[in-house]
Amino acid sequence: MRLKSISLKNWKNFRSLQCDINNRLFIIGANASGKSNFLDALRFMRDIVKHGGGLQYAVSQRGGISKIRCLSAREKPDVEIELKFVDDDNTQWEYLLSLTQQSRGSRNTVIRKETMHKNGKPCFERPDPEDIKDSERLTQTFLEQISTNKDFRGIVDFLSSVQYMHLVPQLLKFPEAFSGPDLPEDPFGKGFLRTIAKTPKDTRDSRLSKIQKILQIAVPQLKDLKYIEDIGQPHLEVNYEHWRPSGAKQTETQLSDGTLRLIGLLWSLIGGKGILLLEEPELSLHAAIIEQLPELFYSVLRSKKRQIIITTHSAELLSRNSISLSEILMLQTGSEGTQAKLACELQEITSLLKGGLTPAEAVMPFTRPIICQGLLFE
């Protein structure tokens, strides 16, 4: 199964957005334009369907419906997400969820509308007669209920497999320095070593072997990468070529931020099965490595039939002509929220690409923030 398109209404930065999604999608835009909020729409759907989640959980994790609703919402303030999927057997699915808030009482988030269509025919449409009899039913989606999602559980499984990774090297190196409970799904890699430790040995060794081969190209003098345990604690150990015959060994606490981020990125690529959401994978990496990432994404994800959505500020990441303009979503801020368009929808950008520019050279100027001249700190 794969996601064909996503539509958002009144979702955070976006008053209205519609985007087709292929195997890869690169999202570019100025700071605070909504790149992370676009990814969060899919994380929101994952939070609804995952074990221990649900609609009320997903909304509360984001501070309530008022924090989700776009500030530019007008006469139709409902928050709406519409997703279209296609199965391996070419079955077409359309899911729509529209949300509002109870006007009185507990002020829970409630469903204004929820529908599922299979090949254009409705599987359900809510509110239904039972919802009208018992309005509390509208605080839960049919997606999250085992008793109602049997006929479209493939959609539930697909959404529950959405994977988000934005590894913060300091969290991995020094997890004990960051107190407080771990975040659900460990998005920033604090428990990354525990995840590796829990992976069956044969699978773990296979993945680390594949990662090692890529690291040997990207990281000078790296000989091998392996998992070790020291007094019951999991560690990653890297051995570098050195004047010593046995080499020079380092654990994760000594590795560079770029090396750790690349390990986390590769583990996520090789090990997952759902849509992979990445934020700025170029951080701490050399430009020459960043240029290779799109081909790496393509080769790994093609073999595993996965999709990837990436936010980036990097011209190097978009420098290869193998990237299609239909794979680049451009975000531009305005007084009525953020506008989003695929680069292929703008004739000017298409002409620039035909004129010999790279995708980065063609699209980056259109999302560059306005820089005020002469504003200096004195």
Foldseek 3Di string as FASTA:
>chain_A
DAWQKKWKDQFAQDNTDIAGFDQFAEEEFDPPQQQVSVVVVLVLLLQCADVPHRNQNSQVVQPHPVSGGYPLDDPDGWIKMKIWDADPVRKIKIWMWTWDFDPDDPRAIFTPWIWMDINRHTPDIPPDPVCVVPVVVRNGDLSRDPVRCPVPVVVSVQSNQEAAADADLVLCLCVVVDDDDQDPNNRHCNCVQVVLVPPPPVVSVVLQVVLQVVVPVFPPQWDGWDWDADPNHIWIKIFGDDPPPRGDIDISNPDFRLSVLSSVVSCCLQPGQHEYEYEASCPPGDLVVLLCVVVVSVVSCVVRVYHYYYYHPDLSNQQDQVDDLSNYWYWAADPSGIDIDRSVVDVQLVVVVVVPHTNSVSPNVVNDDDDDPPDDDD
